[in-house]
Amino acid sequence: MDKDRIAGAAKDWAGKAEGAAGDVMGDADTQAAGRIREAAGKVQNLYGQAKDAARDYVGDDPGEAVARLVNQNPIGSLLAAGAIGFGLALLIGRPAPPPRRRWRYFD
């Protein structure tokens, strides 16, 4: 379990408590602050869940994850590598433009 998930759940709970306190007191500012904190906690919790899912997919060795991805989709991997190579060739292999000619007229 990721620390972002724990912190997100805590923010979510604190936001709900703050929103409920605002409801009881009838304070719109406290209600809004509670809803904002609750939303921030949910977003942080989702971020932690995404990190956990990525860590579960990749595991300890990122090279192994890339190899697994290439084995699952070899044509897509080949097309992606070709597109990256083509883009780099366009950026790197571009010749310098020829110098501009300046015409001088002598009398």
PDB file of N, CA and C in Angstrom:
ATOM      1  N   MET A   1       0.844  -1.170   0.000  1.00  0.00           N
ATOM      2  CA  MET A   1       0.000   0.000   0.000  1.00  0.00           C
ATOM      3  C   MET A   1       0.894   1.238   0.000  1.00  0.00           C
ATOM      4  N   ASP A   2       0.559   2.164  -0.832  1.00  0.00           N
ATOM      5  CA  ASP A   2       1.372   3.355  -1.032  1.00  0.00           C
ATOM      6  C   ASP A   2       1.027   4.427  -0.002  1.00  0.00           C
ATOM      7  N   LYS A   3       2.032   5.263   0.349  1.00  0.00           N
ATOM      8  CA  LYS A   3       1.789   6.323   1.337  1.00  0.00           C
ATOM      9  C   LYS A   3       0.809   7.363   0.804  1.00  0.00           C
ATOM     10  N   ASP A   4       0.716   7.527  -0.510  1.00  0.00           N
ATOM     11  CA  ASP A   4      -0.260   8.465  -1.077  1.00  0.00           C
ATOM     12  C   ASP A   4      -1.687   7.982  -0.831  1.00  0.00           C
ATOM     13  N   ARG A   5      -1.883   6.687  -0.849  1.00  0.00           N
ATOM     14  CA  ARG A   5      -3.219   6.153  -0.579  1.00  0.00           C
ATOM     15  C   ARG A   5      -3.626   6.413   0.869  1.00  0.00           C
ATOM     16  N   ILE A   6      -2.681   6.261   1.785  1.00  0.00           N
ATOM     17  CA  ILE A   6      -2.978   6.497   3.206  1.00  0.00           C
ATOM     18  C   ILE A   6      -3.262   7.970   3.446  1.00  0.00           C
ATOM     19  N   ALA A   7      -2.397   8.834   2.903  1.00  0.00           N
ATOM     20  CA  ALA A   7      -2.590  10.277   3.088  1.00  0.00           C
ATOM     21  C   ALA A   7      -3.879  10.741   2.407  1.00  0.00           C
ATOM     22  N   GLY A   8      -4.188  10.171   1.250  1.00  0.00           N
ATOM     23  CA  GLY A   8      -5.422  10.530   0.549  1.00  0.00           C
ATOM     24  C   GLY A   8      -6.656  10.128   1.326  1.00  0.00           C
ATOM     25  N   ALA A   9      -6.613   8.927   1.913  1.00  0.00           N
ATOM     26  CA  ALA A   9      -7.757   8.485   2.722  1.00  0.00           C
ATOM     27  C   ALA A   9      -7.929   9.372   3.950  1.00  0.00           C
ATOM     28  N   ALA A  10      -6.804   9.794   4.549  1.00  0.00           N
ATOM     29  CA  ALA A  10      -6.887  10.678   5.715  1.00  0.00           C
ATOM     30  C   ALA A  10      -7.467  12.042   5.322  1.00  0.00           C
ATOM     31  N   LYS A  11      -7.026  12.583   4.195  1.00  0.00           N
ATOM     32  CA  LYS A  11      -7.570  13.866   3.734  1.00  0.00           C
ATOM     33  C   LYS A  11      -9.056  13.742   3.400  1.00  0.00           C
ATOM     34  N   ASP A  12      -9.422  12.621   2.794  1.00  0.00           N
ATOM     35  CA  ASP A  12     -10.824  12.386   2.450  1.00  0.00           C
ATOM     36  C   ASP A  12     -11.683  12.361   3.716  1.00  0.00           C
ATOM     37  N   TRP A  13     -11.215  11.635   4.727  1.00  0.00           N
ATOM     38  CA  TRP A  13     -11.959  11.551   5.987  1.00  0.00           C
ATOM     39  C   TRP A  13     -12.031  12.917   6.665  1.00  0.00           C
ATOM     40  N   ALA A  14     -10.903  13.654   6.688  1.00  0.00           N
ATOM     41  CA  ALA A  14     -10.890  14.977   7.320  1.00  0.00           C
ATOM     42  C   ALA A  14     -11.808  15.945   6.567  1.00  0.00           C
ATOM     43  N   GLY A  15     -11.838  15.838   5.236  1.00  0.00           N
ATOM     44  CA  GLY A  15     -12.723  16.686   4.451  1.00  0.00           C
ATOM     45  C   GLY A  15     -14.186  16.395   4.725  1.00  0.00           C
ATOM     46  N   LYS A  16     -14.509  15.107   4.876  1.00  0.00           N
ATOM     47  CA  LYS A  16     -15.895  14.757   5.203  1.00  0.00           C
ATOM     48  C   LYS A  16     -16.281  15.296   6.577  1.00  0.00           C
ATOM     49  N   ALA A  17     -15.360  15.189   7.536  1.00  0.00           N
ATOM     50  CA  ALA A  17     -15.646  15.703   8.882  1.00  0.00           C
ATOM     51  C   ALA A  17     -15.797  17.223   8.859  1.00  0.00           C
ATOM     52  N   GLU A  18     -14.927  17.889   8.117  1.00  0.00           N
ATOM     53  CA  GLU A  18     -15.016  19.353   8.034  1.00  0.00           C
ATOM     54  C   GLU A  18     -16.303  19.783   7.331  1.00  0.00           C
ATOM     55  N   GLY A  19     -16.671  19.069   6.271  1.00  0.00           N
ATOM     56  CA  GLY A  19     -17.925  19.373   5.579  1.00  0.00           C
ATOM     57  C   GLY A  19     -19.134  19.154   6.474  1.00  0.00           C
ATOM     58  N   ALA A  20     -19.117  18.077   7.268  1.00  0.00           N
ATOM     59  CA  ALA A  20     -20.223  17.813   8.190  1.00  0.00           C
ATOM     60  C   ALA A  20     -20.291  18.875   9.278  1.00  0.00           C
ATOM     61  N   ALA A  21     -19.127  19.321   9.769  1.00  0.00           N
ATOM     62  CA  ALA A  21     -19.113  20.388  10.771  1.00  0.00           C
ATOM     63  C   ALA A  21     -19.668  21.680  10.176  1.00  0.00           C
ATOM     64  N   GLY A  22     -19.336  21.942   8.933  1.00  0.00           N
ATOM     65  CA  GLY A  22     -19.885  23.116   8.264  1.00  0.00           C
ATOM     66  C   GLY A  22     -21.379  23.021   8.072  1.00  0.00           C
ATOM     67  N   ASP A  23     -21.878  21.805   7.808  1.00  0.00           N
ATOM     68  CA  ASP A  23     -23.319  21.601   7.677  1.00  0.00           C
ATOM     69  C   ASP A  23     -24.032  21.885   9.009  1.00  0.00           C
ATOM     70  N   VAL A  24     -23.437  21.377  10.111  1.00  0.00           N
ATOM     71  CA  VAL A  24     -24.050  21.553  11.420  1.00  0.00           C
ATOM     72  C   VAL A  24     -24.046  23.032  11.814  1.00  0.00           C
ATOM     73  N   MET A  25     -22.921  23.721  11.575  1.00  0.00           N
ATOM     74  CA  MET A  25     -22.821  25.129  11.969  1.00  0.00           C
ATOM     75  C   MET A  25     -23.491  26.060  10.965  1.00  0.00           C
ATOM     76  N   GLY A  26     -23.773  25.577   9.778  1.00  0.00           N
ATOM     77  CA  GLY A  26     -24.382  26.415   8.752  1.00  0.00           C
ATOM     78  C   GLY A  26     -23.388  27.378   8.116  1.00  0.00           C
ATOM     79  N   ASP A  27     -22.099  27.036   8.162  1.00  0.00           N
ATOM     80  CA  ASP A  27     -21.051  27.887   7.620  1.00  0.00           C
ATOM     81  C   ASP A  27     -20.694  27.401   6.216  1.00  0.00           C
ATOM     82  N   ALA A  28     -20.976  28.214   5.213  1.00  0.00           N
ATOM     83  CA  ALA A  28     -20.740  27.820   3.824  1.00  0.00           C
ATOM     84  C   ALA A  28     -19.247  27.712   3.520  1.00  0.00           C
ATOM     85  N   ASP A  29     -18.423  28.567   4.139  1.00  0.00           N
ATOM     86  CA  ASP A  29     -16.982  28.509   3.893  1.00  0.00           C
ATOM     87  C   ASP A  29     -16.381  27.202   4.406  1.00  0.00           C
ATOM     88  N   THR A  30     -16.804  26.774   5.571  1.00  0.00           N
ATOM     89  CA  THR A  30     -16.305  25.513   6.129  1.00  0.00           C
ATOM     90  C   THR A  30     -16.787  24.332   5.297  1.00  0.00           C
ATOM     91  N   GLN A  31     -18.033  24.394   4.822  1.00  0.00           N
ATOM     92  CA  GLN A  31     -18.545  23.326   3.955  1.00  0.00           C
ATOM     93  C   GLN A  31     -17.712  23.231   2.687  1.00  0.00           C
ATOM     94  N   ALA A  32     -17.445  24.380   2.051  1.00  0.00           N
ATOM     95  CA  ALA A  32     -16.679  24.388   0.799  1.00  0.00           C
ATOM     96  C   ALA A  32     -15.259  23.889   1.026  1.00  0.00           C
ATOM     97  N   ALA A  33     -14.635  24.333   2.129  1.00  0.00           N
ATOM     98  CA  ALA A  33     -13.276  23.879   2.427  1.00  0.00           C
ATOM     99  C   ALA A  33     -13.250  22.370   2.664  1.00  0.00           C
ATOM    100  N   GLY A  34     -14.277  21.851   3.324  1.00  0.00           N
ATOM    101  CA  GLY A  34     -14.360  20.412   3.542  1.00  0.00           C
ATOM    102  C   GLY A  34     -14.526  19.643   2.249  1.00  0.00           C
ATOM    103  N   ARG A  35     -15.348  20.154   1.350  1.00  0.00           N
ATOM    104  CA  ARG A  35     -15.546  19.479   0.066  1.00  0.00           C
ATOM    105  C   ARG A  35     -14.261  19.507  -0.773  1.00  0.00           C
ATOM    106  N   ILE A  36     -13.546  20.628  -0.695  1.00  0.00           N
ATOM    107  CA  ILE A  36     -12.279  20.731  -1.447  1.00  0.00           C
ATOM    108  C   ILE A  36     -11.252  19.758  -0.884  1.00  0.00           C
ATOM    109  N   ARG A  37     -11.146  19.688   0.446  1.00  0.00           N
ATOM    110  CA  ARG A  37     -10.199  18.757   1.060  1.00  0.00           C
ATOM    111  C   ARG A  37     -10.583  17.312   0.744  1.00  0.00           C
ATOM    112  N   GLU A  38     -11.876  17.029   0.735  1.00  0.00           N
ATOM    113  CA  GLU A  38     -12.356  15.686   0.413  1.00  0.00           C
ATOM    114  C   GLU A  38     -11.987  15.315  -1.026  1.00  0.00           C
ATOM    115  N   ALA A  39     -12.176  16.243  -1.953  1.00  0.00           N
ATOM    116  CA  ALA A  39     -11.830  15.983  -3.352  1.00  0.00           C
ATOM    117  C   ALA A  39     -10.323  15.787  -3.515  1.00  0.00           C
ATOM    118  N   ALA A  40      -9.528  16.605  -2.811  1.00  0.00           N
ATOM    119  CA  ALA A  40      -8.072  16.451  -2.886  1.00  0.00           C
ATOM    120  C   ALA A  40      -7.649  15.091  -2.334  1.00  0.00           C
ATOM    121  N   GLY A  41      -8.291  14.644  -1.276  1.00  0.00           N
ATOM    122  CA  GLY A  41      -7.982  13.328  -0.723  1.00  0.00           C
ATOM    123  C   GLY A  41      -8.327  12.204  -1.681  1.00  0.00           C
ATOM    124  N   LYS A  42      -9.460  12.332  -2.357  1.00  0.00           N
ATOM    125  CA  LYS A  42      -9.839  11.295  -3.330  1.00  0.00           C
ATOM    126  C   LYS A  42      -8.854  11.250  -4.488  1.00  0.00           C
ATOM    127  N   VAL A  43      -8.417  12.421  -4.954  1.00  0.00           N
ATOM    128  CA  VAL A  43      -7.452  12.465  -6.056  1.00  0.00           C
ATOM    129  C   VAL A  43      -6.128  11.847  -5.617  1.00  0.00           C
ATOM    130  N   GLN A  44      -5.658  12.177  -4.418  1.00  0.00           N
ATOM    131  CA  GLN A  44      -4.401  11.615  -3.935  1.00  0.00           C
ATOM    132  C   GLN A  44      -4.519  10.108  -3.740  1.00  0.00           C
ATOM    133  N   ASN A  45      -5.667   9.642  -3.286  1.00  0.00           N
ATOM    134  CA  ASN A  45      -5.889   8.203  -3.133  1.00  0.00           C
ATOM    135  C   ASN A  45      -5.853   7.512  -4.495  1.00  0.00           C
ATOM    136  N   LEU A  46      -6.499   8.102  -5.501  1.00  0.00           N
ATOM    137  CA  LEU A  46      -6.464   7.513  -6.842  1.00  0.00           C
ATOM    138  C   LEU A  46      -5.054   7.494  -7.413  1.00  0.00           C
ATOM    139  N   TYR A  47      -4.278   8.559  -7.128  1.00  0.00           N
ATOM    140  CA  TYR A  47      -2.882   8.599  -7.569  1.00  0.00           C
ATOM    141  C   TYR A  47      -2.089   7.458  -6.935  1.00  0.00           C
ATOM    142  N   GLY A  48      -2.304   7.219  -5.657  1.00  0.00           N
ATOM    143  CA  GLY A  48      -1.636   6.110  -4.987  1.00  0.00           C
ATOM    144  C   GLY A  48      -2.053   4.761  -5.547  1.00  0.00           C
ATOM    145  N   GLN A  49      -3.330   4.621  -5.888  1.00  0.00           N
ATOM    146  CA  GLN A  49      -3.787   3.370  -6.493  1.00  0.00           C
ATOM    147  C   GLN A  49      -3.137   3.157  -7.859  1.00  0.00           C
ATOM    148  N   ALA A  50      -2.986   4.239  -8.637  1.00  0.00           N
ATOM    149  CA  ALA A  50      -2.344   4.116  -9.946  1.00  0.00           C
ATOM    150  C   ALA A  50      -0.875   3.733  -9.792  1.00  0.00           C
ATOM    151  N   LYS A  51      -0.199   4.306  -8.789  1.00  0.00           N
ATOM    152  CA  LYS A  51       1.197   3.941  -8.546  1.00  0.00           C
ATOM    153  C   LYS A  51       1.315   2.477  -8.142  1.00  0.00           C
ATOM    154  N   ASP A  52       0.396   2.015  -7.309  1.00  0.00           N
ATOM    155  CA  ASP A  52       0.414   0.610  -6.912  1.00  0.00           C
ATOM    156  C   ASP A  52       0.174  -0.311  -8.110  1.00  0.00           C
ATOM    157  N   ALA A  53      -0.771   0.070  -8.963  1.00  0.00           N
ATOM    158  CA  ALA A  53      -1.057  -0.755 -10.136  1.00  0.00           C
ATOM    159  C   ALA A  53       0.145  -0.796 -11.079  1.00  0.00           C
ATOM    160  N   ALA A  54       0.801   0.341 -11.260  1.00  0.00           N
ATOM    161  CA  ALA A  54       1.993   0.375 -12.122  1.00  0.00           C
ATOM    162  C   ALA A  54       3.113  -0.462 -11.521  1.00  0.00           C
ATOM    163  N   ARG A  55       3.283  -0.383 -10.208  1.00  0.00           N
ATOM    164  CA  ARG A  55       4.318  -1.170  -9.551  1.00  0.00           C
ATOM    165  C   ARG A  55       4.016  -2.664  -9.659  1.00  0.00           C
ATOM    166  N   ASP A  56       2.735  -3.032  -9.568  1.00  0.00           N
ATOM    167  CA  ASP A  56       2.369  -4.439  -9.709  1.00  0.00           C
ATOM    168  C   ASP A  56       2.606  -4.927 -11.135  1.00  0.00           C
ATOM    169  N   TYR A  57       2.363  -4.051 -12.121  1.00  0.00           N
ATOM    170  CA  TYR A  57       2.541  -4.459 -13.510  1.00  0.00           C
ATOM    171  C   TYR A  57       4.018  -4.563 -13.856  1.00  0.00           C
ATOM    172  N   VAL A  58       4.795  -3.568 -13.439  1.00  0.00           N
ATOM    173  CA  VAL A  58       6.217  -3.539 -13.787  1.00  0.00           C
ATOM    174  C   VAL A  58       6.992  -4.518 -12.941  1.00  0.00           C
ATOM    175  N   GLY A  59       6.718  -4.575 -11.665  1.00  0.00           N
ATOM    176  CA  GLY A  59       7.469  -5.452 -10.778  1.00  0.00           C
ATOM    177  C   GLY A  59       8.799  -4.823 -10.419  1.00  0.00           C
ATOM    178  N   ASP A  60       9.789  -5.657 -10.145  1.00  0.00           N
ATOM    179  CA  ASP A  60      11.098  -5.165  -9.733  1.00  0.00           C
ATOM    180  C   ASP A  60      11.979  -4.807 -10.917  1.00  0.00           C
ATOM    181  N   ASP A  61      11.755  -5.417 -12.071  1.00  0.00           N
ATOM    182  CA  ASP A  61      12.631  -5.228 -13.225  1.00  0.00           C
ATOM    183  C   ASP A  61      11.870  -4.543 -14.359  1.00  0.00           C
ATOM    184  N   PRO A  62      12.155  -3.259 -14.639  1.00  0.00           N
ATOM    185  CA  PRO A  62      11.458  -2.577 -15.741  1.00  0.00           C
ATOM    186  C   PRO A  62      11.759  -3.205 -17.100  1.00  0.00           C
ATOM    187  N   GLY A  63      12.953  -3.757 -17.267  1.00  0.00           N
ATOM    188  CA  GLY A  63      13.297  -4.405 -18.533  1.00  0.00           C
ATOM    189  C   GLY A  63      12.406  -5.606 -18.814  1.00  0.00           C
ATOM    190  N   GLU A  64      12.049  -6.305 -17.753  1.00  0.00           N
ATOM    191  CA  GLU A  64      11.155  -7.451 -17.899  1.00  0.00           C
ATOM    192  C   GLU A  64       9.758  -6.992 -18.336  1.00  0.00           C
ATOM    193  N   ALA A  65       9.316  -5.845 -17.819  1.00  0.00           N
ATOM    194  CA  ALA A  65       8.008  -5.307 -18.212  1.00  0.00           C
ATOM    195  C   ALA A  65       8.004  -4.893 -19.673  1.00  0.00           C
ATOM    196  N   VAL A  66       9.099  -4.304 -20.132  1.00  0.00           N
ATOM    197  CA  VAL A  66       9.198  -3.920 -21.552  1.00  0.00           C
ATOM    198  C   VAL A  66       9.202  -5.165 -22.422  1.00  0.00           C
ATOM    199  N   ALA A  67       9.937  -6.183 -22.015  1.00  0.00           N
ATOM    200  CA  ALA A  67       9.970  -7.429 -22.787  1.00  0.00           C
ATOM    201  C   ALA A  67       8.584  -8.062 -22.840  1.00  0.00           C
ATOM    202  N   ARG A  68       7.850  -8.022 -21.731  1.00  0.00           N
ATOM    203  CA  ARG A  68       6.495  -8.578 -21.706  1.00  0.00           C
ATOM    204  C   ARG A  68       5.574  -7.802 -22.649  1.00  0.00           C
ATOM    205  N   LEU A  69       5.727  -6.456 -22.649  1.00  0.00           N
ATOM    206  CA  LEU A  69       4.913  -5.616 -23.532  1.00  0.00           C
ATOM    207  C   LEU A  69       5.222  -5.892 -25.005  1.00  0.00           C
ATOM    208  N   VAL A  70       6.489  -6.065 -25.330  1.00  0.00           N
ATOM    209  CA  VAL A  70       6.867  -6.352 -26.713  1.00  0.00           C
ATOM    210  C   VAL A  70       6.351  -7.725 -27.123  1.00  0.00           C
ATOM    211  N   ASN A  71       6.393  -8.692 -26.215  1.00  0.00           N
ATOM    212  CA  ASN A  71       5.874 -10.020 -26.532  1.00  0.00           C
ATOM    213  C   ASN A  71       4.366 -10.008 -26.748  1.00  0.00           C
ATOM    214  N   GLN A  72       3.656  -9.145 -26.028  1.00  0.00           N
ATOM    215  CA  GLN A  72       2.203  -9.069 -26.179  1.00  0.00           C
ATOM    216  C   GLN A  72       1.792  -8.360 -27.456  1.00  0.00           C
ATOM    217  N   ASN A  73       2.572  -7.385 -27.898  1.00  0.00           N
ATOM    218  CA  ASN A  73       2.204  -6.592 -29.063  1.00  0.00           C
ATOM    219  C   ASN A  73       3.452  -6.288 -29.903  1.00  0.00           C
ATOM    220  N   PRO A  74       3.950  -7.261 -30.668  1.00  0.00           N
ATOM    221  CA  PRO A  74       5.202  -7.038 -31.399  1.00  0.00           C
ATOM    222  C   PRO A  74       5.064  -6.035 -32.549  1.00  0.00           C
ATOM    223  N   ILE A  75       3.957  -6.053 -33.266  1.00  0.00           N
ATOM    224  CA  ILE A  75       3.792  -5.136 -34.397  1.00  0.00           C
ATOM    225  C   ILE A  75       3.681  -3.691 -33.901  1.00  0.00           C
ATOM    226  N   GLY A  76       2.908  -3.464 -32.867  1.00  0.00           N
ATOM    227  CA  GLY A  76       2.782  -2.120 -32.303  1.00  0.00           C
ATOM    228  C   GLY A  76       4.110  -1.604 -31.776  1.00  0.00           C
ATOM    229  N   SER A  77       4.886  -2.486 -31.131  1.00  0.00           N
ATOM    230  CA  SER A  77       6.198  -2.089 -30.624  1.00  0.00           C
ATOM    231  C   SER A  77       7.137  -1.725 -31.764  1.00  0.00           C
ATOM    232  N   LEU A  78       7.076  -2.502 -32.838  1.00  0.00           N
ATOM    233  CA  LEU A  78       7.919  -2.218 -33.999  1.00  0.00           C
ATOM    234  C   LEU A  78       7.533  -0.892 -34.641  1.00  0.00           C
ATOM    235  N   LEU A  79       6.242  -0.637 -34.767  1.00  0.00           N
ATOM    236  CA  LEU A  79       5.792   0.633 -35.343  1.00  0.00           C
ATOM    237  C   LEU A  79       6.169   1.820 -34.451  1.00  0.00           C
ATOM    238  N   ALA A  80       6.059   1.655 -33.152  1.00  0.00           N
ATOM    239  CA  ALA A  80       6.429   2.741 -32.236  1.00  0.00           C
ATOM    240  C   ALA A  80       7.926   3.023 -32.307  1.00  0.00           C
ATOM    241  N   ALA A  81       8.745   1.977 -32.341  1.00  0.00           N
ATOM    242  CA  ALA A  81      10.194   2.171 -32.442  1.00  0.00           C
ATOM    243  C   ALA A  81      10.560   2.820 -33.772  1.00  0.00           C
ATOM    244  N   GLY A  82       9.891   2.417 -34.851  1.00  0.00           N
ATOM    245  CA  GLY A  82      10.155   3.029 -36.156  1.00  0.00           C
ATOM    246  C   GLY A  82       9.770   4.496 -36.192  1.00  0.00           C
ATOM    247  N   ALA A  83       8.638   4.842 -35.581  1.00  0.00           N
ATOM    248  CA  ALA A  83       8.209   6.245 -35.550  1.00  0.00           C
ATOM    249  C   ALA A  83       9.173   7.094 -34.736  1.00  0.00           C
ATOM    250  N   ILE A  84       9.652   6.563 -33.626  1.00  0.00           N
ATOM    251  CA  ILE A  84      10.622   7.300 -32.819  1.00  0.00           C
ATOM    252  C   ILE A  84      11.925   7.480 -33.589  1.00  0.00           C
ATOM    253  N   GLY A  85      12.385   6.434 -34.249  1.00  0.00           N
ATOM    254  CA  GLY A  85      13.608   6.538 -35.047  1.00  0.00           C
ATOM    255  C   GLY A  85      13.466   7.519 -36.193  1.00  0.00           C
ATOM    256  N   PHE A  86      12.330   7.506 -36.857  1.00  0.00           N
ATOM    257  CA  PHE A  86      12.091   8.437 -37.967  1.00  0.00           C
ATOM    258  C   PHE A  86      12.090   9.877 -37.470  1.00  0.00           C
ATOM    259  N   GLY A  87      11.434  10.117 -36.335  1.00  0.00           N
ATOM    260  CA  GLY A  87      11.410  11.465 -35.764  1.00  0.00           C
ATOM    261  C   GLY A  87      12.796  11.947 -35.368  1.00  0.00           C
ATOM    262  N   LEU A  88      13.592  11.057 -34.761  1.00  0.00           N
ATOM    263  CA  LEU A  88      14.955  11.441 -34.403  1.00  0.00           C
ATOM    264  C   LEU A  88      15.808  11.706 -35.636  1.00  0.00           C
ATOM    265  N   ALA A  89      15.620  10.909 -36.684  1.00  0.00           N
ATOM    266  CA  ALA A  89      16.374  11.129 -37.919  1.00  0.00           C
ATOM    267  C   ALA A  89      16.028  12.473 -38.537  1.00  0.00           C
ATOM    268  N   LEU A  90      14.765  12.861 -38.475  1.00  0.00           N
ATOM    269  CA  LEU A  90      14.379  14.174 -38.992  1.00  0.00           C
ATOM    270  C   LEU A  90      15.009  15.302 -38.189  1.00  0.00           C
ATOM    271  N   LEU A  91      15.084  15.131 -36.898  1.00  0.00           N
ATOM    272  CA  LEU A  91      15.657  16.179 -36.052  1.00  0.00           C
ATOM    273  C   LEU A  91      17.178  16.272 -36.176  1.00  0.00           C
ATOM    274  N   ILE A  92      17.830  15.140 -36.222  1.00  0.00           N
ATOM    275  CA  ILE A  92      19.286  15.121 -36.207  1.00  0.00           C
ATOM    276  C   ILE A  92      19.884  15.267 -37.607  1.00  0.00           C
ATOM    277  N   GLY A  93      19.321  14.607 -38.591  1.00  0.00           N
ATOM    278  CA  GLY A  93      19.932  14.535 -39.917  1.00  0.00           C
ATOM    279  C   GLY A  93      19.586  15.664 -40.853  1.00  0.00           C
ATOM    280  N   ARG A  94      19.032  16.725 -40.377  1.00  0.00           N
ATOM    281  CA  ARG A  94      18.646  17.824 -41.236  1.00  0.00           C
ATOM    282  C   ARG A  94      19.886  18.624 -41.639  1.00  0.00           C
ATOM    283  N   PRO A  95      20.146  18.774 -42.945  1.00  0.00           N
ATOM    284  CA  PRO A  95      21.334  19.525 -43.360  1.00  0.00           C
ATOM    285  C   PRO A  95      21.154  21.020 -43.087  1.00  0.00           C
ATOM    286  N   ALA A  96      22.288  21.677 -42.986  1.00  0.00           N
ATOM    287  CA  ALA A  96      22.249  23.117 -42.755  1.00  0.00           C
ATOM    288  C   ALA A  96      21.763  23.814 -44.023  1.00  0.00           C
ATOM    289  N   PRO A  97      20.994  24.863 -43.874  1.00  0.00           N
ATOM    290  CA  PRO A  97      20.525  25.564 -45.069  1.00  0.00           C
ATOM    291  C   PRO A  97      21.691  26.257 -45.777  1.00  0.00           C
ATOM    292  N   PRO A  98      21.614  26.357 -47.103  1.00  0.00           N
ATOM    293  CA  PRO A  98      22.705  27.020 -47.825  1.00  0.00           C
ATOM    294  C   PRO A  98      22.746  28.505 -47.462  1.00  0.00           C
ATOM    295  N   PRO A  99      23.932  29.080 -47.522  1.00  0.00           N
ATOM    296  CA  PRO A  99      24.018  30.505 -47.184  1.00  0.00           C
ATOM    297  C   PRO A  99      23.276  31.351 -48.211  1.00  0.00           C
ATOM    298  N   ARG A 100      22.701  32.418 -47.750  1.00  0.00           N
ATOM    299  CA  ARG A 100      21.982  33.314 -48.659  1.00  0.00           C
ATOM    300  C   ARG A 100      22.979  34.098 -49.483  1.00  0.00           C
ATOM    301  N   ARG A 101      22.701  34.206 -50.740  1.00  0.00           N
ATOM    302  CA  ARG A 101      23.567  35.000 -51.612  1.00  0.00           C
ATOM    303  C   ARG A 101      23.163  36.452 -51.505  1.00  0.00           C
ATOM    304  N   ARG A 102      24.151  37.258 -51.391  1.00  0.00           N
ATOM    305  CA  ARG A 102      23.903  38.697 -51.367  1.00  0.00           C
ATOM    306  C   ARG A 102      24.511  39.276 -52.630  1.00  0.00           C
ATOM    307  N   TRP A 103      23.677  39.855 -53.389  1.00  0.00           N
ATOM    308  CA  TRP A 103      24.138  40.438 -54.642  1.00  0.00           C
ATOM    309  C   TRP A 103      24.632  41.856 -54.395  1.00  0.00           C
ATOM    310  N   ARG A 104      25.782  42.092 -54.924  1.00  0.00           N
ATOM    311  CA  ARG A 104      26.339  43.437 -54.834  1.00  0.00           C
ATOM    312  C   ARG A 104      26.514  43.947 -56.248  1.00  0.00           C
ATOM    313  N   TYR A 105      26.024  45.076 -56.425  1.00  0.00           N
ATOM    314  CA  TYR A 105      26.137  45.706 -57.752  1.00  0.00           C
ATOM    315  C   TYR A 105      27.206  46.782 -57.669  1.00  0.00           C
ATOM    316  N   PHE A 106      28.141  46.633 -58.555  1.00  0.00           N
ATOM    317  CA  PHE A 106      29.212  47.634 -58.612  1.00  0.00           C
ATOM    318  C   PHE A 106      29.004  48.494 -59.811  1.00  0.00           C
ATOM    319  N   ASP A 107      29.238  49.781 -59.664  1.00  0.00           N
ATOM    320  CA  ASP A 107      29.121  50.696 -60.800  1.00  0.00           C
ATOM    321  C   ASP A 107      30.402  50.832 -61.556  1.00  0.00           C
TER     322      ASP A 107
END
